[in-house]
C-alpha atoms as a PDB file:
ATOM      1  CA  UNK A   1      -5.909  13.354-124.579  1.00  0.00           C
ATOM      2  CA  UNK A   2      -4.323  11.124-121.952  1.00  0.00           C
ATOM      3  CA  UNK A   3      -2.341   8.025-122.911  1.00  0.00           C
ATOM      4  CA  UNK A   4      -0.106   5.509-121.135  1.00  0.00           C
ATOM      5  CA  UNK A   5       1.869   3.470-123.668  1.00  0.00           C
ATOM      6  CA  UNK A   6       3.734   0.474-122.268  1.00  0.00           C
ATOM      7  CA  UNK A   7       6.451  -1.233-124.308  1.00  0.00           C
ATOM      8  CA  UNK A   8       5.582  -4.694-123.008  1.00  0.00           C
ATOM      9  CA  UNK A   9       3.332  -6.296-120.417  1.00  0.00           C
ATOM     10  CA  UNK A  10       6.130  -8.645-119.352  1.00  0.00           C
ATOM     11  CA  UNK A  11       9.606  -7.605-118.259  1.00  0.00           C
ATOM     12  CA  UNK A  12      12.355  -9.974-117.144  1.00  0.00           C
ATOM     13  CA  UNK A  13      12.179 -10.550-113.398  1.00  0.00           C
ATOM     14  CA  UNK A  14       8.567  -9.368-113.032  1.00  0.00           C
ATOM     15  CA  UNK A  15       5.124 -10.930-113.288  1.00  0.00           C
ATOM     16  CA  UNK A  16       2.455  -9.839-115.760  1.00  0.00           C
ATOM     17  CA  UNK A  17       2.160  -6.005-115.670  1.00  0.00           C
ATOM     18  CA  UNK A  18       3.949  -5.915-112.303  1.00  0.00           C
ATOM     19  CA  UNK A  19       6.558  -3.428-113.507  1.00  0.00           C
ATOM     20  CA  UNK A  20       3.829  -1.038-114.690  1.00  0.00           C
ATOM     21  CA  UNK A  21       1.461  -1.241-111.701  1.00  0.00           C
ATOM     22  CA  UNK A  22       2.490   2.051-110.114  1.00  0.00           C
ATOM     23  CA  UNK A  23       2.217   3.909-113.431  1.00  0.00           C
ATOM     24  CA  UNK A  24      -1.175   2.345-114.193  1.00  0.00           C
ATOM     25  CA  UNK A  25      -2.560   3.286-110.776  1.00  0.00           C
ATOM     26  CA  UNK A  26      -1.290   6.847-111.058  1.00  0.00           C
ATOM     27  CA  UNK A  27      -2.561   7.211-114.608  1.00  0.00           C
ATOM     28  CA  UNK A  28      -6.057   5.857-113.968  1.00  0.00           C
ATOM     29  CA  UNK A  29      -6.609   7.746-110.737  1.00  0.00           C
ATOM     30  CA  UNK A  30     -10.224   7.300-109.639  1.00  0.00           C
ATOM     31  CA  UNK A  31     -11.245   5.345-112.760  1.00  0.00           C
ATOM     32  CA  UNK A  32     -12.588   1.885-111.974  1.00  0.00           C
ATOM     33  CA  UNK A  33     -14.175   0.411-115.120  1.00  0.00           C
ATOM     34  CA  UNK A  34     -11.717  -0.605-117.859  1.00  0.00           C
ATOM     35  CA  UNK A  35     -12.801  -1.726-121.338  1.00  0.00           C
ATOM     36  CA  UNK A  36     -10.259  -4.277-122.574  1.00  0.00           C
ATOM     37  CA  UNK A  37      -9.538  -4.816-126.294  1.00  0.00           C
ATOM     38  CA  UNK A  38      -8.171  -8.393-126.663  1.00  0.00           C
ATOM     39  CA  UNK A  39      -7.888  -8.750-130.447  1.00  0.00           C
ATOM     40  CA  UNK A  40      -4.082  -9.058-130.673  1.00  0.00           C
ATOM     41  CA  UNK A  41      -4.272 -12.648-129.357  1.00  0.00           C
ATOM     42  CA  UNK A  42      -6.240 -15.580-130.803  1.00  0.00           C
ATOM     43  CA  UNK A  43      -8.059 -16.642-127.612  1.00  0.00           C
ATOM     44  CA  UNK A  44      -9.827 -13.421-126.668  1.00  0.00           C
ATOM     45  CA  UNK A  45     -11.741 -14.833-123.720  1.00  0.00           C
ATOM     46  CA  UNK A  46      -8.635 -16.288-122.090  1.00  0.00           C
ATOM     47  CA  UNK A  47      -6.773 -13.033-122.668  1.00  0.00           C
ATOM     48  CA  UNK A  48      -9.564 -11.009-121.083  1.00  0.00           C
ATOM     49  CA  UNK A  49      -9.664 -13.378-118.117  1.00  0.00           C
ATOM     50  CA  UNK A  50      -5.922 -12.879-117.560  1.00  0.00           C
ATOM     51  CA  UNK A  51      -6.246  -9.096-117.667  1.00  0.00           C
ATOM     52  CA  UNK A  52      -9.385  -9.173-115.501  1.00  0.00           C
ATOM     53  CA  UNK A  53      -7.543 -11.163-112.837  1.00  0.00           C
ATOM     54  CA  UNK A  54      -4.462  -8.918-112.855  1.00  0.00           C
ATOM     55  CA  UNK A  55      -6.270  -5.588-112.889  1.00  0.00           C
ATOM     56  CA  UNK A  56      -8.803  -6.978-110.436  1.00  0.00           C
ATOM     57  CA  UNK A  57      -5.991  -7.270-107.910  1.00  0.00           C
ATOM     58  CA  UNK A  58      -5.544  -3.529-108.378  1.00  0.00           C
ATOM     59  CA  UNK A  59      -9.220  -2.803-107.806  1.00  0.00           C
ATOM     60  CA  UNK A  60     -10.337  -2.358-111.411  1.00  0.00           C
ATOM     61  CA  UNK A  61     -13.355  -3.927-113.110  1.00  0.00           C
ATOM     62  CA  UNK A  62     -12.546  -5.248-116.597  1.00  0.00           C
ATOM     63  CA  UNK A  63     -15.043  -5.831-119.410  1.00  0.00           C
ATOM     64  CA  UNK A  64     -14.272  -7.285-122.843  1.00  0.00           C
ATOM     65  CA  UNK A  65     -14.769  -5.157-125.945  1.00  0.00           C
ATOM     66  CA  UNK A  66     -16.571  -6.829-128.851  1.00  0.00           C
ATOM     67  CA  UNK A  67     -18.365  -3.805-130.320  1.00  0.00           C
ATOM     68  CA  UNK A  68     -18.340  -0.017-130.050  1.00  0.00           C
ATOM     69  CA  UNK A  69     -20.990  -0.029-127.307  1.00  0.00           C
ATOM     70  CA  UNK A  70     -18.540  -1.921-125.063  1.00  0.00           C
ATOM     71  CA  UNK A  71     -16.205   1.091-124.970  1.00  0.00           C
ATOM     72  CA  UNK A  72     -18.488   2.799-122.447  1.00  0.00           C
ATOM     73  CA  UNK A  73     -16.057   2.677-119.522  1.00  0.00           C
ATOM     74  CA  UNK A  74     -13.761   4.900-117.492  1.00  0.00           C
ATOM     75  CA  UNK A  75     -10.697   3.839-119.512  1.00  0.00           C
ATOM     76  CA  UNK A  76      -9.684   1.752-122.530  1.00  0.00           C
ATOM     77  CA  UNK A  77      -6.859  -0.805-122.449  1.00  0.00           C
ATOM     78  CA  UNK A  78      -5.613  -2.335-125.719  1.00  0.00           C
ATOM     79  CA  UNK A  79      -3.454  -5.386-125.074  1.00  0.00           C
ATOM     80  CA  UNK A  80      -0.402  -6.665-126.912  1.00  0.00           C
ATOM     81  CA  UNK A  81       0.120  -9.571-129.273  1.00  0.00           C
ATOM     82  CA  UNK A  82       0.223  -9.508-133.056  1.00  0.00           C
ATOM     83  CA  UNK A  83      -0.260  -5.977-134.393  1.00  0.00           C
ATOM     84  CA  UNK A  84      -1.525  -7.147-137.803  1.00  0.00           C
ATOM     85  CA  UNK A  85      -4.249  -9.277-136.203  1.00  0.00           C
ATOM     86  CA  UNK A  86      -5.187  -6.459-133.829  1.00  0.00           C
ATOM     87  CA  UNK A  87      -5.534  -3.829-136.539  1.00  0.00           C
ATOM     88  CA  UNK A  88      -7.355  -6.175-138.926  1.00  0.00           C
ATOM     89  CA  UNK A  89      -9.992  -6.912-136.294  1.00  0.00           C
ATOM     90  CA  UNK A  90     -10.399  -3.262-135.341  1.00  0.00           C
ATOM     91  CA  UNK A  91     -11.133  -2.472-139.000  1.00  0.00           C
ATOM     92  CA  UNK A  92     -13.525  -5.395-139.327  1.00  0.00           C
ATOM     93  CA  UNK A  93     -15.502  -4.368-136.234  1.00  0.00           C
ATOM     94  CA  UNK A  94     -15.408  -0.669-137.189  1.00  0.00           C
ATOM     95  CA  UNK A  95     -13.764   0.195-133.888  1.00  0.00           C
ATOM     96  CA  UNK A  96     -10.902   2.497-134.895  1.00  0.00           C
ATOM     97  CA  UNK A  97     -13.045   5.614-135.168  1.00  0.00           C
ATOM     98  CA  UNK A  98     -14.987   4.669-132.047  1.00  0.00           C
ATOM     99  CA  UNK A  99     -11.818   4.325-129.959  1.00  0.00           C
ATOM    100  CA  UNK A 100     -10.283   7.447-131.465  1.00  0.00           C
ATOM    101  CA  UNK A 101     -13.395   9.510-130.717  1.00  0.00           C
ATOM    102  CA  UNK A 102     -13.589   8.397-127.092  1.00  0.00           C
ATOM    103  CA  UNK A 103      -9.887   8.987-126.426  1.00  0.00           C
ATOM    104  CA  UNK A 104      -9.926  12.401-128.087  1.00  0.00           C
ATOM    105  CA  UNK A 105     -12.962  13.129-125.927  1.00  0.00           C
ATOM    106  CA  UNK A 106     -10.980  12.473-122.754  1.00  0.00           C
ATOM    107  CA  UNK A 107     -11.220   8.732-122.043  1.00  0.00           C
ATOM    108  CA  UNK A 108      -7.798   7.530-120.791  1.00  0.00           C
ATOM    109  CA  UNK A 109      -6.069   5.052-123.128  1.00  0.00           C
ATOM    110  CA  UNK A 110      -3.598   2.387-122.038  1.00  0.00           C
ATOM    111  CA  UNK A 111      -1.709   0.404-124.654  1.00  0.00           C
ATOM    112  CA  UNK A 112       0.766  -2.415-124.227  1.00  0.00           C
ATOM    113  CA  UNK A 113       3.082  -3.618-127.009  1.00  0.00           C
ATOM    114  CA  UNK A 114       0.814  -3.829-130.097  1.00  0.00           C
ATOM    115  CA  UNK A 115      -1.712  -1.665-128.263  1.00  0.00           C
ATOM    116  CA  UNK A 116       0.984   1.007-127.977  1.00  0.00           C
ATOM    117  CA  UNK A 117       2.151   0.641-131.581  1.00  0.00           C
ATOM    118  CA  UNK A 118      -1.335   1.362-132.966  1.00  0.00           C
ATOM    119  CA  UNK A 119      -1.500   4.662-131.063  1.00  0.00           C
ATOM    120  CA  UNK A 120       0.821   5.962-133.818  1.00  0.00           C
ATOM    121  CA  UNK A 121      -0.305   7.165-137.262  1.00  0.00           C
ATOM    122  CA  UNK A 122       0.515   3.750-138.765  1.00  0.00           C
ATOM    123  CA  UNK A 123       1.681   0.319-137.625  1.00  0.00           C
ATOM    124  CA  UNK A 124       4.623   0.348-140.060  1.00  0.00           C
ATOM    125  CA  UNK A 125       7.172   0.174-137.236  1.00  0.00           C
ATOM    126  CA  UNK A 126       5.841  -2.987-135.590  1.00  0.00           C
ATOM    127  CA  UNK A 127       8.132  -5.992-135.122  1.00  0.00           C
ATOM    128  CA  UNK A 128       5.426  -8.528-135.924  1.00  0.00           C
ATOM    129  CA  UNK A 129       4.967 -11.045-138.727  1.00  0.00           C
ATOM    130  CA  UNK A 130       2.055 -10.240-141.094  1.00  0.00           C
ATOM    131  CA  UNK A 131       0.039 -13.360-140.227  1.00  0.00           C
ATOM    132  CA  UNK A 132      -3.081 -11.612-141.539  1.00  0.00           C
ATOM    133  CA  UNK A 133      -3.647  -8.592-143.776  1.00  0.00           C
ATOM    134  CA  UNK A 134      -5.506  -5.589-142.374  1.00  0.00           C
ATOM    135  CA  UNK A 135      -7.522  -3.263-144.578  1.00  0.00           C
ATOM    136  CA  UNK A 136      -4.831  -0.602-144.122  1.00  0.00           C
ATOM    137  CA  UNK A 137      -1.658  -0.018-142.111  1.00  0.00           C
ATOM    138  CA  UNK A 138      -3.105   3.279-140.879  1.00  0.00           C
ATOM    139  CA  UNK A 139      -3.902   3.099-137.168  1.00  0.00           C
ATOM    140  CA  UNK A 140      -5.282   5.377-134.436  1.00  0.00           C
ATOM    141  CA  UNK A 141      -3.012   8.391-134.882  1.00  0.00           C
ATOM    142  CA  UNK A 142      -3.335   9.454-131.249  1.00  0.00           C
ATOM    143  CA  UNK A 143       0.345  10.473-131.195  1.00  0.00           C
ATOM    144  CA  UNK A 144       2.080  12.176-134.154  1.00  0.00           C
ATOM    145  CA  UNK A 145       5.167   9.924-134.129  1.00  0.00           C
ATOM    146  CA  UNK A 146       5.743   6.239-134.838  1.00  0.00           C
ATOM    147  CA  UNK A 147       6.358   3.709-132.058  1.00  0.00           C
ATOM    148  CA  UNK A 148       8.591   0.648-131.977  1.00  0.00           C
ATOM    149  CA  UNK A 149       7.870  -1.519-128.951  1.00  0.00           C
ATOM    150  CA  UNK A 150      10.239  -4.038-127.339  1.00  0.00           C
ATOM    151  CA  UNK A 151      13.124  -2.008-128.765  1.00  0.00           C
ATOM    152  CA  UNK A 152      16.377  -3.868-128.289  1.00  0.00           C
ATOM    153  CA  UNK A 153      19.920  -2.604-128.792  1.00  0.00           C
ATOM    154  CA  UNK A 154      22.324  -4.548-130.967  1.00  0.00           C
ATOM    155  CA  UNK A 155      24.602  -6.942-129.103  1.00  0.00           C
ATOM    156  CA  UNK A 156      28.175  -6.292-130.348  1.00  0.00           C
ATOM    157  CA  UNK A 157      29.217  -9.803-129.279  1.00  0.00           C
ATOM    158  CA  UNK A 158      26.432 -11.544-131.213  1.00  0.00           C
ATOM    159  CA  UNK A 159      27.239 -13.678-134.275  1.00  0.00           C
ATOM    160  CA  UNK A 160      23.728 -13.202-135.675  1.00  0.00           C
ATOM    161  CA  UNK A 161      23.978 -11.785-139.208  1.00  0.00           C
ATOM    162  CA  UNK A 162      20.388 -10.545-139.612  1.00  0.00           C
ATOM    163  CA  UNK A 163      19.296  -6.931-139.443  1.00  0.00           C
ATOM    164  CA  UNK A 164      19.384  -5.147-136.104  1.00  0.00           C
ATOM    165  CA  UNK A 165      16.340  -3.227-134.949  1.00  0.00           C
ATOM    166  CA  UNK A 166      18.179   0.016-135.644  1.00  0.00           C
ATOM    167  CA  UNK A 167      18.838  -1.124-139.220  1.00  0.00           C
ATOM    168  CA  UNK A 168      15.165  -1.852-139.774  1.00  0.00           C
ATOM    169  CA  UNK A 169      14.072   1.510-138.383  1.00  0.00           C
ATOM    170  CA  UNK A 170      16.670   3.244-140.544  1.00  0.00           C
ATOM    171  CA  UNK A 171      15.120   1.489-143.547  1.00  0.00           C
ATOM    172  CA  UNK A 172      11.711   2.774-142.480  1.00  0.00           C
ATOM    173  CA  UNK A 173      13.063   6.332-142.410  1.00  0.00           C
ATOM    174  CA  UNK A 174      14.510   5.947-145.898  1.00  0.00           C
ATOM    175  CA  UNK A 175      10.915   5.720-147.133  1.00  0.00           C
ATOM    176  CA  UNK A 176       8.998   7.685-144.479  1.00  0.00           C
ATOM    177  CA  UNK A 177       9.586  11.034-142.760  1.00  0.00           C
ATOM    178  CA  UNK A 178       7.641  10.558-139.503  1.00  0.00           C
ATOM    179  CA  UNK A 179      10.122  10.096-136.600  1.00  0.00           C
ATOM    180  CA  UNK A 180      10.112   6.939-134.494  1.00  0.00           C
ATOM    181  CA  UNK A 181      10.289   6.466-130.744  1.00  0.00           C
ATOM    182  CA  UNK A 182      11.810   3.123-129.748  1.00  0.00           C
ATOM    183  CA  UNK A 183      10.686   1.990-126.299  1.00  0.00           C
ATOM    184  CA  UNK A 184      12.707  -0.687-124.567  1.00  0.00           C
ATOM    185  CA  UNK A 185      11.112  -3.316-122.348  1.00  0.00           C
ATOM    186  CA  UNK A 186      10.565  -1.474-119.085  1.00  0.00           C
ATOM    187  CA  UNK A 187      10.018   1.857-120.839  1.00  0.00           C
ATOM    188  CA  UNK A 188       6.645   3.602-120.869  1.00  0.00           C
ATOM    189  CA  UNK A 189       5.326   6.798-122.400  1.00  0.00           C
ATOM    190  CA  UNK A 190       2.780   9.014-120.727  1.00  0.00           C
ATOM    191  CA  UNK A 191       1.090  11.600-122.899  1.00  0.00           C
ATOM    192  CA  UNK A 192      -0.926  14.438-121.428  1.00  0.00           C
ATOM    193  CA  UNK A 193      -2.355  17.130-123.715  1.00  0.00           C
ATOM    194  CA  UNK A 194       0.285  16.722-126.420  1.00  0.00           C
ATOM    195  CA  UNK A 195       3.411  16.371-124.268  1.00  0.00           C
ATOM    196  CA  UNK A 196       4.998  12.930-123.965  1.00  0.00           C
ATOM    197  CA  UNK A 197       6.960  12.024-120.829  1.00  0.00           C
ATOM    198  CA  UNK A 198       9.351   9.063-120.878  1.00  0.00           C
ATOM    199  CA  UNK A 199       8.801   6.960-117.769  1.00  0.00           C
ATOM    200  CA  UNK A 200       9.610   3.483-116.486  1.00  0.00           C
ATOM    201  CA  UNK A 201      13.086   2.092-115.898  1.00  0.00           C
ATOM    202  CA  UNK A 202      14.904   2.559-119.215  1.00  0.00           C
ATOM    203  CA  UNK A 203      15.451   5.418-121.672  1.00  0.00           C
ATOM    204  CA  UNK A 204      13.644   5.628-124.980  1.00  0.00           C
ATOM    205  CA  UNK A 205      15.408   6.077-128.324  1.00  0.00           C
ATOM    206  CA  UNK A 206      14.542   8.652-130.980  1.00  0.00           C
ATOM    207  CA  UNK A 207      15.048   7.893-134.661  1.00  0.00           C
ATOM    208  CA  UNK A 208      14.785  10.742-137.131  1.00  0.00           C
ATOM    209  CA  UNK A 209      15.555  10.847-140.853  1.00  0.00           C
ATOM    210  CA  UNK A 210      19.012  12.237-141.573  1.00  0.00           C
ATOM    211  CA  UNK A 211      20.160  12.175-137.948  1.00  0.00           C
ATOM    212  CA  UNK A 212      21.835   9.738-135.602  1.00  0.00           C
ATOM    213  CA  UNK A 213      19.549   7.908-133.192  1.00  0.00           C
ATOM    214  CA  UNK A 214      19.713   9.322-129.655  1.00  0.00           C
ATOM    215  CA  UNK A 215      18.622   8.057-126.241  1.00  0.00           C
ATOM    216  CA  UNK A 216      16.098  10.086-124.265  1.00  0.00           C
ATOM    217  CA  UNK A 217      16.343   9.748-120.497  1.00  0.00           C
ATOM    218  CA  UNK A 218      13.541   8.686-118.163  1.00  0.00           C
ATOM    219  CA  UNK A 219      11.769  11.846-117.075  1.00  0.00           C
ATOM    220  CA  UNK A 220      12.383  13.721-120.338  1.00  0.00           C
ATOM    221  CA  UNK A 221       9.442  15.513-121.939  1.00  0.00           C
ATOM    222  CA  UNK A 222       9.030  15.424-125.717  1.00  0.00           C
ATOM    223  CA  UNK A 223       6.953  17.382-128.193  1.00  0.00           C
ATOM    224  CA  UNK A 224       5.211  15.868-131.208  1.00  0.00           C
ATOM    225  CA  UNK A 225       8.429  15.959-133.252  1.00  0.00           C
ATOM    226  CA  UNK A 226      10.208  14.040-130.448  1.00  0.00           C
ATOM    227  CA  UNK A 227      12.312  17.037-129.441  1.00  0.00           C
ATOM    228  CA  UNK A 228      13.062  17.483-125.746  1.00  0.00           C
ATOM    229  CA  UNK A 229      11.104  20.368-124.205  1.00  0.00           C
ATOM    230  CA  UNK A 230      11.269  22.122-120.853  1.00  0.00           C
END
């Protein structure tokens, strides 16, 4: 399997997907036709048009996915937005197995934000509000670890008294044993045949039950248990 998981499509100081253009080009190689899954946002047509314009500037042809037959392309791109809405729609259209089968068969998969979160076994580590209720929290399971997109470190000077992201992920690990990879805005993960490489401009952060969270540098390679290899 080949996956490129982007924390966010927008990063401060850059236009839409600008920060990820080099990684997208390298990842897709000679692929030209991209099937776009727009279900994380309400206006699917407008979302597809935005992605079609941006990827069109890079030489890619974008088609909108509405059914399993629309996945017949050189690559699949699942966009960000609300993870609950995305997963609910994928269940309703019976697309989870279809996407999983194609990606496991070699079709490159790009995810951004919610599209990256659902590459994990479940969407339990999303940041989103449950505006709708999916059939299940189980997602694609293309990687063996959980993903938290838009990961943000606590600001020691902040007067905000709510939970930090680290607190929430620690709570997740009190009830679940699967480790979590937090990817900051600007961070991307590239997975090739089971090995995950941290790429982009910022380190990722590994959360594991019973251990302190640790940063993983750009360029590091991780196994399925999020241990550094090589």
